[in-house]
N, C-alpha and C. Protein backbone atom coordinates (compact mmCIF):
# COMPACT_ATOMS: atom_id res chain seq x y z
N UNK A 1 30.53 -34.03 -2.31
CA UNK A 1 29.97 -33.49 -1.09
C UNK A 1 29.52 -32.06 -1.34
N UNK A 2 28.31 -31.79 -0.94
CA UNK A 2 27.77 -30.44 -1.12
C UNK A 2 28.07 -29.53 0.06
N UNK A 3 27.98 -28.25 -0.19
CA UNK A 3 28.21 -27.27 0.86
C UNK A 3 26.95 -27.14 1.70
N UNK A 4 27.14 -26.75 2.95
CA UNK A 4 25.99 -26.48 3.81
C UNK A 4 25.37 -25.13 3.44
N UNK A 5 24.08 -25.03 3.62
CA UNK A 5 23.40 -23.78 3.32
C UNK A 5 23.76 -22.74 4.38
N UNK A 6 23.84 -21.52 3.94
CA UNK A 6 24.16 -20.42 4.84
C UNK A 6 22.98 -20.17 5.77
N UNK A 7 23.29 -19.90 7.01
CA UNK A 7 22.22 -19.64 7.98
C UNK A 7 22.01 -18.13 8.18
N UNK A 8 22.49 -17.32 7.24
CA UNK A 8 22.33 -15.86 7.35
C UNK A 8 20.87 -15.49 7.17
N UNK A 9 20.37 -14.64 8.05
CA UNK A 9 18.99 -14.19 7.96
C UNK A 9 18.93 -12.90 7.16
N UNK A 10 17.83 -12.68 6.44
CA UNK A 10 17.71 -11.42 5.70
C UNK A 10 17.58 -10.25 6.69
N UNK A 11 18.04 -9.05 6.30
CA UNK A 11 17.95 -7.90 7.21
C UNK A 11 16.49 -7.56 7.49
N UNK A 12 16.20 -7.07 8.68
CA UNK A 12 14.81 -6.72 9.00
C UNK A 12 14.34 -5.52 8.18
N UNK A 13 13.06 -5.50 7.88
CA UNK A 13 12.49 -4.39 7.11
C UNK A 13 12.39 -3.15 7.98
N UNK A 14 12.63 -2.01 7.37
CA UNK A 14 12.51 -0.76 8.09
C UNK A 14 11.03 -0.41 8.23
N UNK A 15 10.64 0.00 9.40
CA UNK A 15 9.26 0.37 9.62
C UNK A 15 9.05 1.83 9.23
N UNK A 16 7.95 2.08 8.57
CA UNK A 16 7.61 3.45 8.20
C UNK A 16 6.95 4.13 9.39
N UNK A 17 7.39 5.33 9.69
CA UNK A 17 6.76 6.09 10.76
C UNK A 17 5.36 6.51 10.31
N UNK A 18 4.44 6.54 11.26
CA UNK A 18 3.09 6.96 10.95
C UNK A 18 3.07 8.46 10.69
N UNK A 19 2.30 8.88 9.70
CA UNK A 19 2.17 10.29 9.40
C UNK A 19 1.12 10.91 10.32
N UNK A 20 1.24 12.21 10.54
CA UNK A 20 0.28 12.91 11.40
C UNK A 20 -1.10 12.93 10.77
N UNK A 21 -2.12 12.97 11.61
CA UNK A 21 -3.50 13.13 11.13
C UNK A 21 -4.14 14.38 11.71
N UNK A 22 -3.49 15.03 12.67
CA UNK A 22 -3.98 16.30 13.22
C UNK A 22 -2.88 17.34 13.04
N UNK A 23 -3.31 18.59 12.74
CA UNK A 23 -2.36 19.64 12.38
C UNK A 23 -2.79 20.95 13.03
N UNK A 24 -1.95 21.98 12.87
CA UNK A 24 -2.30 23.31 13.38
C UNK A 24 -3.10 24.06 12.33
N UNK A 25 -4.03 24.89 12.79
CA UNK A 25 -4.93 25.62 11.91
C UNK A 25 -4.22 26.83 11.31
N UNK A 26 -4.34 27.05 9.99
CA UNK A 26 -3.71 28.22 9.38
C UNK A 26 -4.44 29.52 9.70
N UNK A 27 -5.67 29.45 10.21
CA UNK A 27 -6.44 30.65 10.51
C UNK A 27 -6.33 31.06 11.97
N UNK A 28 -6.60 30.14 12.89
CA UNK A 28 -6.56 30.50 14.31
C UNK A 28 -5.22 30.11 14.94
N UNK A 29 -4.36 29.39 14.21
CA UNK A 29 -3.02 29.01 14.66
C UNK A 29 -3.04 28.17 15.93
N UNK A 30 -4.11 27.47 16.17
CA UNK A 30 -4.23 26.60 17.34
C UNK A 30 -3.65 25.24 16.97
N UNK A 31 -2.71 24.75 17.76
CA UNK A 31 -2.07 23.48 17.46
C UNK A 31 -2.99 22.29 17.65
N UNK A 32 -2.86 21.32 16.84
CA UNK A 32 -3.61 20.05 16.85
C UNK A 32 -5.12 20.24 16.83
N UNK A 33 -5.60 21.27 16.15
CA UNK A 33 -7.05 21.49 16.08
C UNK A 33 -7.64 21.07 14.74
N UNK A 34 -6.81 20.88 13.73
CA UNK A 34 -7.30 20.50 12.40
C UNK A 34 -7.25 18.98 12.28
N UNK A 35 -8.38 18.42 11.96
CA UNK A 35 -8.48 16.97 11.76
C UNK A 35 -8.85 16.70 10.31
N UNK A 36 -8.17 15.75 9.70
CA UNK A 36 -8.42 15.40 8.31
C UNK A 36 -9.19 14.08 8.25
N UNK A 37 -10.24 14.08 7.44
CA UNK A 37 -11.03 12.86 7.24
C UNK A 37 -11.08 12.57 5.74
N UNK A 38 -11.01 11.29 5.41
CA UNK A 38 -11.06 10.86 4.02
C UNK A 38 -12.25 9.93 3.83
N UNK A 39 -13.13 10.31 2.90
CA UNK A 39 -14.29 9.50 2.57
C UNK A 39 -14.02 8.83 1.22
N UNK A 40 -13.54 7.59 1.27
CA UNK A 40 -13.18 6.90 0.05
C UNK A 40 -14.41 6.50 -0.78
N UNK A 41 -15.56 6.42 -0.15
CA UNK A 41 -16.77 6.06 -0.87
C UNK A 41 -17.15 7.16 -1.86
N UNK A 42 -17.03 8.42 -1.42
CA UNK A 42 -17.37 9.56 -2.27
C UNK A 42 -16.14 10.26 -2.84
N UNK A 43 -14.94 9.77 -2.52
CA UNK A 43 -13.66 10.34 -2.97
C UNK A 43 -13.53 11.81 -2.58
N UNK A 44 -13.84 12.10 -1.33
CA UNK A 44 -13.73 13.46 -0.80
C UNK A 44 -12.87 13.44 0.44
N UNK A 45 -11.94 14.39 0.51
CA UNK A 45 -11.12 14.58 1.70
C UNK A 45 -11.46 15.91 2.32
N UNK A 46 -11.58 15.96 3.64
CA UNK A 46 -11.96 17.20 4.32
C UNK A 46 -11.04 17.44 5.50
N UNK A 47 -10.57 18.68 5.60
CA UNK A 47 -9.79 19.12 6.74
C UNK A 47 -10.61 20.21 7.42
N UNK A 48 -10.84 20.07 8.74
CA UNK A 48 -11.65 21.07 9.44
C UNK A 48 -11.05 21.35 10.81
N UNK A 49 -11.15 22.61 11.21
CA UNK A 49 -10.64 23.05 12.50
C UNK A 49 -11.76 22.94 13.54
N UNK A 50 -11.45 22.36 14.67
CA UNK A 50 -12.44 22.22 15.73
C UNK A 50 -12.61 23.49 16.55
N UNK A 51 -11.70 24.46 16.42
CA UNK A 51 -11.77 25.69 17.20
C UNK A 51 -12.52 26.78 16.44
N UNK A 52 -12.03 27.13 15.23
CA UNK A 52 -12.64 28.24 14.48
C UNK A 52 -13.62 27.77 13.41
N UNK A 53 -13.83 26.48 13.27
CA UNK A 53 -14.80 25.88 12.34
C UNK A 53 -14.49 26.12 10.87
N UNK A 54 -13.25 26.51 10.53
CA UNK A 54 -12.86 26.62 9.12
C UNK A 54 -12.70 25.21 8.56
N UNK A 55 -12.97 25.06 7.27
CA UNK A 55 -12.83 23.74 6.66
C UNK A 55 -12.39 23.86 5.21
N UNK A 56 -11.89 22.76 4.67
CA UNK A 56 -11.42 22.69 3.30
C UNK A 56 -11.74 21.30 2.78
N UNK A 57 -12.27 21.22 1.56
CA UNK A 57 -12.59 19.93 0.94
C UNK A 57 -11.88 19.82 -0.39
N UNK A 58 -11.50 18.62 -0.74
CA UNK A 58 -10.85 18.35 -2.01
C UNK A 58 -11.14 16.93 -2.44
N UNK A 59 -10.88 16.64 -3.71
CA UNK A 59 -11.04 15.28 -4.20
C UNK A 59 -9.80 14.48 -3.84
N UNK A 60 -9.98 13.18 -3.62
CA UNK A 60 -8.88 12.33 -3.21
C UNK A 60 -8.78 11.11 -4.14
N UNK A 61 -7.65 10.44 -4.05
CA UNK A 61 -7.44 9.19 -4.76
C UNK A 61 -7.13 8.11 -3.73
N UNK A 62 -6.87 6.92 -4.18
CA UNK A 62 -6.58 5.82 -3.27
C UNK A 62 -5.25 6.03 -2.54
N UNK A 63 -4.37 6.87 -3.08
CA UNK A 63 -3.06 7.09 -2.49
C UNK A 63 -3.01 8.31 -1.57
N UNK A 64 -4.10 9.04 -1.45
CA UNK A 64 -4.12 10.27 -0.67
C UNK A 64 -4.04 9.98 0.82
N UNK A 65 -3.21 10.75 1.53
CA UNK A 65 -3.06 10.66 2.98
C UNK A 65 -3.55 11.98 3.59
N UNK A 66 -3.82 12.00 4.89
CA UNK A 66 -4.27 13.24 5.53
C UNK A 66 -3.30 14.41 5.36
N UNK A 67 -2.01 14.15 5.34
CA UNK A 67 -1.04 15.23 5.15
C UNK A 67 -1.18 15.86 3.78
N UNK A 68 -1.61 15.10 2.78
CA UNK A 68 -1.81 15.64 1.44
C UNK A 68 -2.97 16.63 1.42
N UNK A 69 -4.03 16.32 2.14
CA UNK A 69 -5.19 17.22 2.21
C UNK A 69 -4.80 18.52 2.90
N UNK A 70 -4.08 18.40 4.00
CA UNK A 70 -3.64 19.59 4.74
C UNK A 70 -2.70 20.44 3.89
N UNK A 71 -1.80 19.80 3.17
CA UNK A 71 -0.87 20.54 2.31
C UNK A 71 -1.59 21.28 1.19
N UNK A 72 -2.61 20.65 0.61
CA UNK A 72 -3.40 21.33 -0.41
C UNK A 72 -4.12 22.54 0.18
N UNK A 73 -4.60 22.43 1.41
CA UNK A 73 -5.27 23.54 2.08
C UNK A 73 -4.29 24.71 2.27
N UNK A 74 -3.10 24.41 2.74
CA UNK A 74 -2.08 25.44 2.95
C UNK A 74 -1.71 26.09 1.61
N UNK A 75 -1.54 25.29 0.56
CA UNK A 75 -1.23 25.83 -0.76
C UNK A 75 -2.34 26.73 -1.28
N UNK A 76 -3.58 26.34 -1.06
CA UNK A 76 -4.72 27.15 -1.50
C UNK A 76 -4.77 28.47 -0.73
N UNK A 77 -4.48 28.44 0.56
CA UNK A 77 -4.45 29.67 1.36
C UNK A 77 -3.37 30.61 0.85
N UNK A 78 -2.20 30.08 0.53
CA UNK A 78 -1.12 30.92 0.00
C UNK A 78 -1.47 31.47 -1.37
N UNK A 79 -2.14 30.68 -2.20
CA UNK A 79 -2.53 31.14 -3.54
C UNK A 79 -3.54 32.28 -3.44
N UNK A 80 -4.48 32.18 -2.51
CA UNK A 80 -5.49 33.23 -2.34
C UNK A 80 -4.87 34.50 -1.77
N UNK A 81 -3.91 34.35 -0.86
CA UNK A 81 -3.29 35.52 -0.22
C UNK A 81 -2.25 36.20 -1.10
N UNK A 82 -1.74 35.53 -2.12
CA UNK A 82 -0.72 36.11 -3.00
C UNK A 82 -1.16 36.01 -4.46
N UNK A 83 -2.25 36.69 -4.86
CA UNK A 83 -2.73 36.54 -6.25
C UNK A 83 -1.82 37.22 -7.27
N UNK A 84 -1.01 38.22 -6.85
CA UNK A 84 -0.17 38.94 -7.80
C UNK A 84 0.95 38.07 -8.36
N UNK A 85 1.36 37.01 -7.65
CA UNK A 85 2.42 36.14 -8.13
C UNK A 85 1.94 35.31 -9.32
N UNK A 86 0.66 34.93 -9.33
CA UNK A 86 0.12 34.13 -10.43
C UNK A 86 -0.01 34.95 -11.71
N UNK A 87 -0.31 36.26 -11.59
CA UNK A 87 -0.51 37.10 -12.77
C UNK A 87 0.81 37.47 -13.45
N UNK A 88 1.92 37.44 -12.75
CA UNK A 88 3.20 37.85 -13.30
C UNK A 88 3.84 36.83 -14.22
N UNK A 89 3.40 35.60 -14.24
CA UNK A 89 4.04 34.56 -15.03
C UNK A 89 3.63 34.55 -16.46
């Protein structure tokens, strides 16, 4: 006589929270004014502020998300504002 199969169900998959697509502008500091767009056809990602019209463009890959473009923009702003840190290394 064989055993009956277990009726245990597999645990449900955890849902990933959606990442933001709008951010605050590093120049005018207006919340939710920066929108990130990704053009996969030309492999270009652009973040632009609707208030002060500042923008940033970068190259993207298939794994790039809007938060990555915004983070690169913030990193570039910090690099431009603190050039003495790069020369000291």
